[in-house]
N, C-alpha and C. Protein backbone atom coordinates (compact mmCIF):
# COMPACT_ATOMS: atom_id res chain seq x y z
N MET A 1 0.85 -1.17 0.00
CA MET A 1 0.00 0.00 0.00
C MET A 1 0.90 1.23 0.00
N VAL A 2 0.78 2.06 -1.00
CA VAL A 2 1.58 3.27 -1.08
C VAL A 2 0.64 4.45 -0.99
N ASN A 3 0.98 5.37 -0.07
CA ASN A 3 0.15 6.54 0.14
C ASN A 3 1.03 7.69 0.60
N SER A 4 0.97 8.79 -0.11
CA SER A 4 1.73 10.00 0.26
C SER A 4 3.22 9.73 0.46
N GLY A 5 3.81 8.91 -0.38
CA GLY A 5 5.24 8.66 -0.28
C GLY A 5 5.65 7.76 0.85
N VAL A 6 4.73 7.03 1.43
CA VAL A 6 5.05 6.13 2.54
C VAL A 6 4.63 4.72 2.16
N LEU A 7 5.52 3.78 2.32
CA LEU A 7 5.22 2.38 2.10
C LEU A 7 4.72 1.83 3.42
N ALA A 8 3.51 1.29 3.45
CA ALA A 8 2.92 0.78 4.68
C ALA A 8 2.94 -0.74 4.68
N LEU A 9 3.30 -1.31 5.79
CA LEU A 9 3.32 -2.75 5.96
C LEU A 9 2.48 -3.11 7.17
N VAL A 10 1.80 -4.26 7.12
CA VAL A 10 1.02 -4.69 8.26
C VAL A 10 1.76 -5.84 8.93
N CYS A 11 2.00 -5.69 10.20
CA CYS A 11 2.72 -6.70 10.97
C CYS A 11 2.10 -6.78 12.35
N ALA A 12 1.73 -7.96 12.77
CA ALA A 12 1.15 -8.19 14.10
C ALA A 12 -0.04 -7.26 14.35
N GLY A 13 -0.83 -7.03 13.31
CA GLY A 13 -2.03 -6.22 13.47
C GLY A 13 -1.77 -4.73 13.51
N ALA A 14 -0.53 -4.31 13.35
CA ALA A 14 -0.20 -2.88 13.39
C ALA A 14 0.28 -2.43 12.03
N LEU A 15 0.02 -1.20 11.72
CA LEU A 15 0.48 -0.62 10.48
C LEU A 15 1.86 -0.03 10.71
N LEU A 16 2.85 -0.53 9.98
CA LEU A 16 4.22 -0.05 10.11
C LEU A 16 4.57 0.73 8.85
N ALA A 17 5.06 1.91 9.00
CA ALA A 17 5.37 2.74 7.84
C ALA A 17 6.87 2.85 7.63
N LEU A 18 7.27 2.72 6.39
CA LEU A 18 8.66 2.87 6.00
C LEU A 18 8.71 3.96 4.95
N PRO A 19 9.43 5.04 5.21
CA PRO A 19 9.51 6.10 4.20
C PRO A 19 9.96 5.55 2.86
N ALA A 20 9.23 5.86 1.81
CA ALA A 20 9.53 5.35 0.48
C ALA A 20 10.90 5.83 -0.01
N ALA A 21 11.34 6.97 0.47
CA ALA A 21 12.61 7.53 0.02
C ALA A 21 13.80 7.04 0.85
N ALA A 22 13.57 6.12 1.77
CA ALA A 22 14.66 5.62 2.62
C ALA A 22 15.73 4.96 1.75
N ASP A 23 16.96 5.05 2.21
CA ASP A 23 18.05 4.45 1.42
C ASP A 23 17.90 2.94 1.37
N GLU A 24 18.54 2.35 0.38
CA GLU A 24 18.41 0.91 0.14
C GLU A 24 18.81 0.06 1.33
N GLY A 25 19.90 0.39 1.99
CA GLY A 25 20.36 -0.41 3.13
C GLY A 25 19.37 -0.40 4.27
N ARG A 26 18.86 0.76 4.57
CA ARG A 26 17.88 0.88 5.66
C ARG A 26 16.60 0.12 5.31
N ALA A 27 16.14 0.30 4.08
CA ALA A 27 14.93 -0.40 3.65
C ALA A 27 15.14 -1.91 3.67
N ALA A 28 16.33 -2.36 3.25
CA ALA A 28 16.64 -3.80 3.26
C ALA A 28 16.65 -4.34 4.68
N GLY A 29 17.23 -3.60 5.60
CA GLY A 29 17.25 -4.03 7.00
C GLY A 29 15.86 -4.10 7.59
N TYR A 30 15.03 -3.13 7.25
CA TYR A 30 13.65 -3.10 7.73
C TYR A 30 12.88 -4.32 7.21
N ARG A 31 12.98 -4.57 5.89
CA ARG A 31 12.29 -5.72 5.30
C ARG A 31 12.81 -7.04 5.87
N TRP A 32 14.12 -7.13 6.03
CA TRP A 32 14.70 -8.37 6.55
C TRP A 32 14.19 -8.66 7.95
N ALA A 33 14.17 -7.65 8.81
CA ALA A 33 13.71 -7.85 10.18
C ALA A 33 12.25 -8.29 10.21
N LEU A 34 11.42 -7.69 9.37
CA LEU A 34 10.02 -8.10 9.32
C LEU A 34 9.89 -9.54 8.83
N ALA A 35 10.64 -9.89 7.79
CA ALA A 35 10.58 -11.24 7.24
C ALA A 35 11.07 -12.29 8.24
N GLN A 36 12.05 -11.92 9.07
CA GLN A 36 12.62 -12.85 10.04
C GLN A 36 11.86 -12.86 11.37
N GLY A 37 10.91 -11.95 11.53
CA GLY A 37 10.17 -11.86 12.79
C GLY A 37 11.00 -11.31 13.93
N ILE A 38 11.97 -10.48 13.61
CA ILE A 38 12.85 -9.90 14.64
C ILE A 38 12.05 -8.89 15.46
N ASP A 39 12.01 -9.10 16.77
CA ASP A 39 11.30 -8.16 17.64
C ASP A 39 12.19 -7.61 18.75
N ASP A 40 13.47 -7.89 18.65
CA ASP A 40 14.44 -7.39 19.62
C ASP A 40 15.52 -6.61 18.88
N PRO A 41 15.56 -5.29 19.06
CA PRO A 41 16.54 -4.48 18.34
C PRO A 41 17.99 -4.93 18.56
N TYR A 42 18.27 -5.60 19.66
CA TYR A 42 19.63 -6.08 19.93
C TYR A 42 20.03 -7.23 19.02
N ARG A 43 19.06 -7.85 18.34
CA ARG A 43 19.37 -8.95 17.42
C ARG A 43 19.78 -8.44 16.04
N CYS A 44 19.78 -7.14 15.85
CA CYS A 44 20.14 -6.55 14.56
C CYS A 44 21.64 -6.30 14.50
N ALA A 45 22.26 -6.86 13.49
CA ALA A 45 23.70 -6.68 13.31
C ALA A 45 23.98 -6.72 11.81
N GLY A 46 25.14 -6.25 11.45
CA GLY A 46 25.53 -6.30 10.05
C GLY A 46 26.67 -5.36 9.77
N GLN A 47 27.13 -5.40 8.54
CA GLN A 47 28.25 -4.57 8.11
C GLN A 47 27.81 -3.13 7.85
N SER A 48 26.55 -2.96 7.45
CA SER A 48 26.05 -1.66 7.06
C SER A 48 25.29 -0.98 8.20
N PRO A 49 25.73 0.20 8.62
CA PRO A 49 24.99 0.92 9.66
C PRO A 49 23.55 1.22 9.24
N ALA A 50 23.32 1.47 7.95
CA ALA A 50 21.97 1.75 7.47
C ALA A 50 21.09 0.50 7.60
N PHE A 51 21.63 -0.67 7.27
CA PHE A 51 20.88 -1.93 7.40
C PHE A 51 20.50 -2.15 8.86
N VAL A 52 21.44 -1.97 9.75
CA VAL A 52 21.20 -2.16 11.19
C VAL A 52 20.14 -1.18 11.67
N GLU A 53 20.21 0.07 11.23
CA GLU A 53 19.22 1.06 11.62
C GLU A 53 17.81 0.65 11.17
N GLY A 54 17.70 0.20 9.92
CA GLY A 54 16.41 -0.26 9.42
C GLY A 54 15.89 -1.46 10.17
N CYS A 55 16.78 -2.39 10.46
CA CYS A 55 16.42 -3.58 11.24
C CYS A 55 15.92 -3.18 12.62
N ARG A 56 16.62 -2.28 13.27
CA ARG A 56 16.22 -1.85 14.62
C ARG A 56 14.88 -1.13 14.61
N GLU A 57 14.63 -0.33 13.57
CA GLU A 57 13.34 0.34 13.46
C GLU A 57 12.20 -0.67 13.34
N ALA A 58 12.39 -1.68 12.50
CA ALA A 58 11.36 -2.71 12.33
C ALA A 58 11.19 -3.53 13.60
N ALA A 59 12.30 -3.88 14.24
CA ALA A 59 12.23 -4.66 15.48
C ALA A 59 11.48 -3.89 16.56
N LEU A 60 11.75 -2.62 16.67
CA LEU A 60 11.07 -1.77 17.66
C LEU A 60 9.58 -1.69 17.35
N ALA A 61 9.24 -1.50 16.09
CA ALA A 61 7.82 -1.43 15.70
C ALA A 61 7.11 -2.76 15.96
N THR A 62 7.78 -3.87 15.65
CA THR A 62 7.20 -5.20 15.87
C THR A 62 7.02 -5.47 17.36
N CYS A 63 8.04 -5.16 18.15
CA CYS A 63 7.97 -5.35 19.60
C CYS A 63 6.85 -4.51 20.20
N THR A 64 6.76 -3.26 19.77
CA THR A 64 5.74 -2.36 20.29
C THR A 64 4.35 -2.88 19.95
N ALA A 65 4.14 -3.30 18.71
CA ALA A 65 2.84 -3.82 18.30
C ALA A 65 2.47 -5.07 19.08
N ALA A 66 3.43 -5.97 19.29
CA ALA A 66 3.17 -7.19 20.05
C ALA A 66 2.82 -6.87 21.50
N CYS A 67 3.50 -5.92 22.09
CA CYS A 67 3.24 -5.50 23.46
C CYS A 67 1.83 -4.93 23.59
N VAL A 68 1.47 -4.06 22.67
CA VAL A 68 0.13 -3.45 22.70
C VAL A 68 -0.92 -4.54 22.58
N ASP A 69 -0.72 -5.48 21.65
CA ASP A 69 -1.68 -6.57 21.44
C ASP A 69 -1.78 -7.48 22.66
N ALA A 70 -0.65 -7.84 23.23
CA ALA A 70 -0.63 -8.81 24.33
C ALA A 70 -1.03 -8.21 25.67
N GLN A 71 -0.58 -7.00 25.94
CA GLN A 71 -0.78 -6.42 27.26
C GLN A 71 -1.85 -5.36 27.30
N GLY A 72 -2.27 -4.89 26.14
CA GLY A 72 -3.25 -3.82 26.11
C GLY A 72 -2.70 -2.51 26.61
N SER A 73 -1.38 -2.41 26.69
CA SER A 73 -0.73 -1.18 27.15
C SER A 73 -0.80 -0.13 26.05
N ASP A 74 -0.54 1.11 26.45
CA ASP A 74 -0.51 2.15 25.43
C ASP A 74 0.79 2.05 24.65
N GLU A 75 0.77 2.59 23.43
CA GLU A 75 1.91 2.47 22.53
C GLU A 75 3.18 3.09 23.09
N ALA A 76 3.07 4.24 23.75
CA ALA A 76 4.25 4.91 24.29
C ALA A 76 4.93 4.06 25.37
N SER A 77 4.14 3.45 26.24
CA SER A 77 4.72 2.59 27.29
C SER A 77 5.40 1.38 26.69
N CYS A 78 4.74 0.79 25.69
CA CYS A 78 5.31 -0.38 25.05
C CYS A 78 6.60 -0.04 24.30
N GLU A 79 6.59 1.09 23.59
CA GLU A 79 7.79 1.49 22.86
C GLU A 79 8.96 1.72 23.81
N ALA A 80 8.67 2.33 24.95
CA ALA A 80 9.73 2.57 25.93
C ALA A 80 10.31 1.26 26.46
N SER A 81 9.46 0.24 26.62
CA SER A 81 9.96 -1.03 27.14
C SER A 81 10.72 -1.82 26.07
N CYS A 82 10.46 -1.53 24.79
CA CYS A 82 11.12 -2.24 23.69
C CYS A 82 12.38 -1.54 23.21
N ASP A 83 12.51 -0.25 23.48
CA ASP A 83 13.62 0.54 22.94
C ASP A 83 14.91 0.22 23.67
N PRO A 84 15.97 -0.09 22.89
CA PRO A 84 17.24 -0.42 23.56
C PRO A 84 17.92 0.78 24.19
């Protein structure tokens, strides 16, 4: 789904947005983390800082969505508990 220059992905019932103009490494890291089900930003590693950044963004979004779904907590509290 593309809308206003943002690529939207659905993961764990949450809408995750990836800027369409993001660099290739960051976008690749984001997609990889979603495909692998990575929900812990500490599991993101690689040679490219951009790839790691994208992976961490996706892991944080996935962790936050899972927390909200499982605990019914607000998004800000869940994000704080997932953020490294």
